[in-house]
Amino acid sequence: VTSIQSQTLSQTDVSKVLRNTYMLLG
């Protein structure tokens, strides 16, 4: 359960970085 939560948080962080990057790039 802890591993799944950690992975989900990681994917959430990655999505946030990706979204912010493309927004700032634009």
PDB file of all heavy atoms in Angstrom:
ATOM      1  N   VAL A   1       0.836  -1.194   0.000  1.00  0.00           N
ATOM      2  CA  VAL A   1       0.000   0.000   0.000  1.00  0.00           C
ATOM      3  C   VAL A   1       0.877   1.253   0.000  1.00  0.00           C
ATOM      4  O   VAL A   1       0.645   2.205  -0.738  1.00  0.00           O
ATOM      5  CB  VAL A   1      -0.937   0.021   1.232  1.00  0.00           C
ATOM      6  CG1 VAL A   1      -1.678   1.352   1.300  1.00  0.00           C
ATOM      7  CG2 VAL A   1      -1.914  -1.136   1.155  1.00  0.00           C
ATOM      8  N   THR A   2       1.928   1.228   0.830  1.00  0.00           N
ATOM      9  CA  THR A   2       2.855   2.369   0.896  1.00  0.00           C
ATOM     10  C   THR A   2       3.557   2.586  -0.433  1.00  0.00           C
ATOM     11  O   THR A   2       3.744   3.715  -0.891  1.00  0.00           O
ATOM     12  CB  THR A   2       3.904   2.135   1.990  1.00  0.00           C
ATOM     13  OG1 THR A   2       3.253   1.916   3.236  1.00  0.00           O
ATOM     14  CG2 THR A   2       4.826   3.346   2.108  1.00  0.00           C
ATOM     15  N   SER A   3       3.944   1.475  -1.084  1.00  0.00           N
ATOM     16  CA  SER A   3       4.619   1.558  -2.372  1.00  0.00           C
ATOM     17  C   SER A   3       3.707   2.162  -3.432  1.00  0.00           C
ATOM     18  O   SER A   3       4.121   2.995  -4.235  1.00  0.00           O
ATOM     19  CB  SER A   3       5.077   0.167  -2.803  1.00  0.00           C
ATOM     20  OG  SER A   3       5.668   0.216  -4.085  1.00  0.00           O
ATOM     21  N   ILE A   4       2.443   1.737  -3.441  1.00  0.00           N
ATOM     22  CA  ILE A   4       1.476   2.249  -4.401  1.00  0.00           C
ATOM     23  C   ILE A   4       1.235   3.734  -4.180  1.00  0.00           C
ATOM     24  O   ILE A   4       1.178   4.532  -5.122  1.00  0.00           O
ATOM     25  CB  ILE A   4       0.150   1.467  -4.309  1.00  0.00           C
ATOM     26  CG1 ILE A   4       0.370   0.021  -4.761  1.00  0.00           C
ATOM     27  CG2 ILE A   4      -0.928   2.137  -5.161  1.00  0.00           C
ATOM     28  CD1 ILE A   4      -0.837  -0.865  -4.568  1.00  0.00           C
ATOM     29  N   GLN A   5       1.108   4.137  -2.919  1.00  0.00           N
ATOM     30  CA  GLN A   5       0.889   5.540  -2.608  1.00  0.00           C
ATOM     31  C   GLN A   5       2.081   6.380  -3.043  1.00  0.00           C
ATOM     32  O   GLN A   5       1.936   7.481  -3.565  1.00  0.00           O
ATOM     33  CB  GLN A   5       0.654   5.705  -1.101  1.00  0.00           C
ATOM     34  CG  GLN A   5      -0.696   5.175  -0.635  1.00  0.00           C
ATOM     35  CD  GLN A   5      -0.845   5.290   0.871  1.00  0.00           C
ATOM     36  OE1 GLN A   5       0.141   5.394   1.606  1.00  0.00           O
ATOM     37  NE2 GLN A   5      -2.099   5.258   1.335  1.00  0.00           N
ATOM     38  N   SER A   6       3.301   5.849  -2.813  1.00  0.00           N
ATOM     39  CA  SER A   6       4.523   6.558  -3.198  1.00  0.00           C
ATOM     40  C   SER A   6       4.597   6.723  -4.707  1.00  0.00           C
ATOM     41  O   SER A   6       4.962   7.785  -5.222  1.00  0.00           O
ATOM     42  CB  SER A   6       5.746   5.808  -2.695  1.00  0.00           C
ATOM     43  OG  SER A   6       6.932   6.423  -3.124  1.00  0.00           O
ATOM     44  N   GLN A   7       4.220   5.658  -5.456  1.00  0.00           N
ATOM     45  CA  GLN A   7       4.255   5.697  -6.906  1.00  0.00           C
ATOM     46  C   GLN A   7       3.231   6.688  -7.441  1.00  0.00           C
ATOM     47  O   GLN A   7       3.496   7.435  -8.382  1.00  0.00           O
ATOM     48  CB  GLN A   7       3.988   4.300  -7.473  1.00  0.00           C
ATOM     49  CG  GLN A   7       4.119   4.229  -9.004  1.00  0.00           C
ATOM     50  CD  GLN A   7       3.955   2.812  -9.506  1.00  0.00           C
ATOM     51  OE1 GLN A   7       3.668   1.897  -8.740  1.00  0.00           O
ATOM     52  NE2 GLN A   7       4.133   2.624 -10.792  1.00  0.00           N
ATOM     53  N   THR A   8       2.046   6.704  -6.816  1.00  0.00           N
ATOM     54  CA  THR A   8       0.995   7.624  -7.240  1.00  0.00           C
ATOM     55  C   THR A   8       1.430   9.062  -7.014  1.00  0.00           C
ATOM     56  O   THR A   8       1.241   9.933  -7.864  1.00  0.00           O
ATOM     57  CB  THR A   8      -0.305   7.356  -6.455  1.00  0.00           C
ATOM     58  OG1 THR A   8      -0.701   5.997  -6.673  1.00  0.00           O
ATOM     59  CG2 THR A   8      -1.408   8.300  -6.907  1.00  0.00           C
ATOM     60  N   LEU A   9       2.060   9.308  -5.854  1.00  0.00           N
ATOM     61  CA  LEU A   9       2.546  10.647  -5.553  1.00  0.00           C
ATOM     62  C   LEU A   9       3.615  11.064  -6.551  1.00  0.00           C
ATOM     63  O   LEU A   9       3.644  12.193  -7.011  1.00  0.00           O
ATOM     64  CB  LEU A   9       3.121  10.671  -4.129  1.00  0.00           C
ATOM     65  CG  LEU A   9       3.696  12.030  -3.654  1.00  0.00           C
ATOM     66  CD1 LEU A   9       2.618  13.094  -3.665  1.00  0.00           C
ATOM     67  CD2 LEU A   9       4.312  11.880  -2.261  1.00  0.00           C
ATOM     68  N   SER A  10       4.486  10.100  -6.923  1.00  0.00           N
ATOM     69  CA  SER A  10       5.537  10.391  -7.877  1.00  0.00           C
ATOM     70  C   SER A  10       4.950  10.785  -9.227  1.00  0.00           C
ATOM     71  O   SER A  10       5.398  11.739  -9.853  1.00  0.00           O
ATOM     72  CB  SER A  10       6.459   9.174  -8.030  1.00  0.00           C
ATOM     73  OG  SER A  10       7.436   9.405  -9.017  1.00  0.00           O
ATOM     74  N   GLN A  11       3.964  10.042  -9.689  1.00  0.00           N
ATOM     75  CA  GLN A  11       3.317  10.343 -10.960  1.00  0.00           C
ATOM     76  C   GLN A  11       2.604  11.685 -10.908  1.00  0.00           C
ATOM     77  O   GLN A  11       2.573  12.431 -11.897  1.00  0.00           O
ATOM     78  CB  GLN A  11       2.324   9.223 -11.318  1.00  0.00           C
ATOM     79  CG  GLN A  11       2.973   7.920 -11.747  1.00  0.00           C
ATOM     80  CD  GLN A  11       3.866   8.113 -12.960  1.00  0.00           C
ATOM     81  OE1 GLN A  11       3.489   8.781 -13.925  1.00  0.00           O
ATOM     82  NE2 GLN A  11       5.055   7.523 -12.913  1.00  0.00           N
ATOM     83  N   THR A  12       2.037  11.999  -9.750  1.00  0.00           N
ATOM     84  CA  THR A  12       1.380  13.294  -9.582  1.00  0.00           C
ATOM     85  C   THR A  12       2.395  14.423  -9.694  1.00  0.00           C
ATOM     86  O   THR A  12       2.140  15.448 -10.336  1.00  0.00           O
ATOM     87  CB  THR A  12       0.679  13.367  -8.214  1.00  0.00           C
ATOM     88  OG1 THR A  12      -0.295  12.322  -8.134  1.00  0.00           O
ATOM     89  CG2 THR A  12      -0.009  14.712  -8.029  1.00  0.00           C
ATOM     90  N   ASP A  13       3.556  14.236  -9.066  1.00  0.00           N
ATOM     91  CA  ASP A  13       4.621  15.239  -9.126  1.00  0.00           C
ATOM     92  C   ASP A  13       5.126  15.418 -10.557  1.00  0.00           C
ATOM     93  O   ASP A  13       5.376  16.544 -11.004  1.00  0.00           O
ATOM     94  CB  ASP A  13       5.782  14.837  -8.219  1.00  0.00           C
ATOM     95  CG  ASP A  13       5.416  14.914  -6.741  1.00  0.00           C
ATOM     96  OD1 ASP A  13       4.437  15.616  -6.427  1.00  0.00           O
ATOM     97  OD2 ASP A  13       6.103  14.269  -5.927  1.00  0.00           O
ATOM     98  N   VAL A  14       5.288  14.303 -11.258  1.00  0.00           N
ATOM     99  CA  VAL A  14       5.762  14.360 -12.635  1.00  0.00           C
ATOM    100  C   VAL A  14       4.769  15.121 -13.517  1.00  0.00           C
ATOM    101  O   VAL A  14       5.153  15.971 -14.330  1.00  0.00           O
ATOM    102  CB  VAL A  14       5.982  12.936 -13.194  1.00  0.00           C
ATOM    103  CG1 VAL A  14       6.167  12.977 -14.714  1.00  0.00           C
ATOM    104  CG2 VAL A  14       7.193  12.292 -12.543  1.00  0.00           C
ATOM    105  N   SER A  15       3.488  14.821 -13.334  1.00  0.00           N
ATOM    106  CA  SER A  15       2.449  15.504 -14.113  1.00  0.00           C
ATOM    107  C   SER A  15       2.454  17.005 -13.828  1.00  0.00           C
ATOM    108  O   SER A  15       2.263  17.824 -14.734  1.00  0.00           O
ATOM    109  CB  SER A  15       1.072  14.919 -13.779  1.00  0.00           C
ATOM    110  OG  SER A  15       1.008  13.555 -14.143  1.00  0.00           O
ATOM    111  N   LYS A  16       2.687  17.359 -12.574  1.00  0.00           N
ATOM    112  CA  LYS A  16       2.732  18.769 -12.195  1.00  0.00           C
ATOM    113  C   LYS A  16       3.912  19.474 -12.843  1.00  0.00           C
ATOM    114  O   LYS A  16       3.767  20.585 -13.375  1.00  0.00           O
ATOM    115  CB  LYS A  16       2.822  18.902 -10.673  1.00  0.00           C
ATOM    116  CG  LYS A  16       2.799  20.339 -10.183  1.00  0.00           C
ATOM    117  CD  LYS A  16       2.847  20.397  -8.663  1.00  0.00           C
ATOM    118  CE  LYS A  16       2.840  21.846  -8.169  1.00  0.00           C
ATOM    119  NZ  LYS A  16       2.903  21.914  -6.689  1.00  0.00           N
ATOM    120  N   VAL A  17       5.088  18.849 -12.825  1.00  0.00           N
ATOM    121  CA  VAL A  17       6.272  19.430 -13.447  1.00  0.00           C
ATOM    122  C   VAL A  17       6.050  19.586 -14.948  1.00  0.00           C
ATOM    123  O   VAL A  17       6.380  20.628 -15.536  1.00  0.00           O
ATOM    124  CB  VAL A  17       7.522  18.555 -13.190  1.00  0.00           C
ATOM    125  CG1 VAL A  17       8.719  19.078 -13.996  1.00  0.00           C
ATOM    126  CG2 VAL A  17       7.857  18.535 -11.714  1.00  0.00           C
ATOM    127  N   LEU A  18       5.479  18.564 -15.567  1.00  0.00           N
ATOM    128  CA  LEU A  18       5.233  18.593 -17.009  1.00  0.00           C
ATOM    129  C   LEU A  18       4.254  19.706 -17.370  1.00  0.00           C
ATOM    130  O   LEU A  18       4.477  20.469 -18.319  1.00  0.00           O
ATOM    131  CB  LEU A  18       4.682  17.237 -17.461  1.00  0.00           C
ATOM    132  CG  LEU A  18       4.591  16.999 -18.969  1.00  0.00           C
ATOM    133  CD1 LEU A  18       5.985  17.020 -19.588  1.00  0.00           C
ATOM    134  CD2 LEU A  18       3.910  15.668 -19.242  1.00  0.00           C
ATOM    135  N   ARG A  19       3.180  19.812 -16.596  1.00  0.00           N
ATOM    136  CA  ARG A  19       2.166  20.846 -16.846  1.00  0.00           C
ATOM    137  C   ARG A  19       2.749  22.250 -16.671  1.00  0.00           C
ATOM    138  O   ARG A  19       2.556  23.126 -17.522  1.00  0.00           O
ATOM    139  CB  ARG A  19       0.975  20.645 -15.909  1.00  0.00           C
ATOM    140  CG  ARG A  19      -0.144  21.662 -16.119  1.00  0.00           C
ATOM    141  CD  ARG A  19      -1.344  21.346 -15.243  1.00  0.00           C
ATOM    142  NE  ARG A  19      -1.017  21.428 -13.814  1.00  0.00           N
ATOM    143  CZ  ARG A  19      -0.877  20.394 -13.014  1.00  0.00           C
ATOM    144  NH1 ARG A  19      -1.027  19.162 -13.488  1.00  0.00           N
ATOM    145  NH2 ARG A  19      -0.579  20.551 -11.728  1.00  0.00           N
ATOM    146  N   ASN A  20       3.488  22.446 -15.587  1.00  0.00           N
ATOM    147  CA  ASN A  20       4.081  23.759 -15.331  1.00  0.00           C
ATOM    148  C   ASN A  20       5.137  24.119 -16.379  1.00  0.00           C
ATOM    149  O   ASN A  20       5.273  25.285 -16.766  1.00  0.00           O
ATOM    150  CB  ASN A  20       4.711  23.798 -13.938  1.00  0.00           C
ATOM    151  CG  ASN A  20       3.690  23.797 -12.823  1.00  0.00           C
ATOM    152  OD1 ASN A  20       2.525  24.122 -13.039  1.00  0.00           O
ATOM    153  ND2 ASN A  20       4.102  23.425 -11.625  1.00  0.00           N
ATOM    154  N   THR A  21       5.868  23.110 -16.827  1.00  0.00           N
ATOM    155  CA  THR A  21       6.900  23.351 -17.841  1.00  0.00           C
ATOM    156  C   THR A  21       6.293  23.844 -19.140  1.00  0.00           C
ATOM    157  O   THR A  21       6.741  24.857 -19.704  1.00  0.00           O
ATOM    158  CB  THR A  21       7.706  22.062 -18.107  1.00  0.00           C
ATOM    159  OG1 THR A  21       8.402  21.677 -16.927  1.00  0.00           O
ATOM    160  CG2 THR A  21       8.709  22.277 -19.233  1.00  0.00           C
ATOM    161  N   TYR A  22       5.259  23.149 -19.630  1.00  0.00           N
ATOM    162  CA  TYR A  22       4.651  23.542 -20.899  1.00  0.00           C
ATOM    163  C   TYR A  22       3.903  24.872 -20.778  1.00  0.00           C
ATOM    164  O   TYR A  22       3.868  25.663 -21.731  1.00  0.00           O
ATOM    165  CB  TYR A  22       3.717  22.444 -21.400  1.00  0.00           C
ATOM    166  CG  TYR A  22       4.458  21.277 -22.015  1.00  0.00           C
ATOM    167  CD1 TYR A  22       4.199  19.968 -21.624  1.00  0.00           C
ATOM    168  CD2 TYR A  22       5.439  21.483 -22.975  1.00  0.00           C
ATOM    169  CE1 TYR A  22       4.891  18.904 -22.170  1.00  0.00           C
ATOM    170  CE2 TYR A  22       6.131  20.427 -23.531  1.00  0.00           C
ATOM    171  CZ  TYR A  22       5.854  19.134 -23.133  1.00  0.00           C
ATOM    172  OH  TYR A  22       6.547  18.091 -23.683  1.00  0.00           O
ATOM    173  N   MET A  23       3.346  25.132 -19.616  1.00  0.00           N
ATOM    174  CA  MET A  23       2.654  26.411 -19.412  1.00  0.00           C
ATOM    175  C   MET A  23       3.661  27.558 -19.448  1.00  0.00           C
ATOM    176  O   MET A  23       3.457  28.566 -20.137  1.00  0.00           O
ATOM    177  CB  MET A  23       1.914  26.406 -18.070  1.00  0.00           C
ATOM    178  CG  MET A  23       1.098  27.676 -17.814  1.00  0.00           C
ATOM    179  SD  MET A  23       0.241  27.619 -16.207  1.00  0.00           S
ATOM    180  CE  MET A  23      -0.788  26.153 -16.424  1.00  0.00           C
ATOM    181  N   LEU A  24       4.768  27.397 -18.708  1.00  0.00           N
ATOM    182  CA  LEU A  24       5.790  28.433 -18.686  1.00  0.00           C
ATOM    183  C   LEU A  24       6.469  28.568 -20.044  1.00  0.00           C
ATOM    184  O   LEU A  24       6.796  29.685 -20.482  1.00  0.00           O
ATOM    185  CB  LEU A  24       6.836  28.120 -17.607  1.00  0.00           C
ATOM    186  CG  LEU A  24       7.950  29.152 -17.410  1.00  0.00           C
ATOM    187  CD1 LEU A  24       7.369  30.527 -17.071  1.00  0.00           C
ATOM    188  CD2 LEU A  24       8.916  28.696 -16.313  1.00  0.00           C
ATOM    189  N   LEU A  25       6.655  27.448 -20.730  1.00  0.00           N
ATOM    190  CA  LEU A  25       7.268  27.482 -22.056  1.00  0.00           C
ATOM    191  C   LEU A  25       6.408  28.287 -23.021  1.00  0.00           C
ATOM    192  O   LEU A  25       6.921  29.097 -23.803  1.00  0.00           O
ATOM    193  CB  LEU A  25       7.472  26.059 -22.574  1.00  0.00           C
ATOM    194  CG  LEU A  25       8.142  25.925 -23.951  1.00  0.00           C
ATOM    195  CD1 LEU A  25       9.560  26.499 -23.911  1.00  0.00           C
ATOM    196  CD2 LEU A  25       8.188  24.451 -24.378  1.00  0.00           C
ATOM    197  N   GLY A  26       5.106  28.070 -22.981  1.00  0.00           N
ATOM    198  CA  GLY A  26       4.204  28.824 -23.847  1.00  0.00           C
ATOM    199  C   GLY A  26       4.262  30.318 -23.565  1.00  0.00           C
ATOM    200  O   GLY A  26       4.291  31.144 -24.487  1.00  0.00           O
TER     201      GLY A  26
END
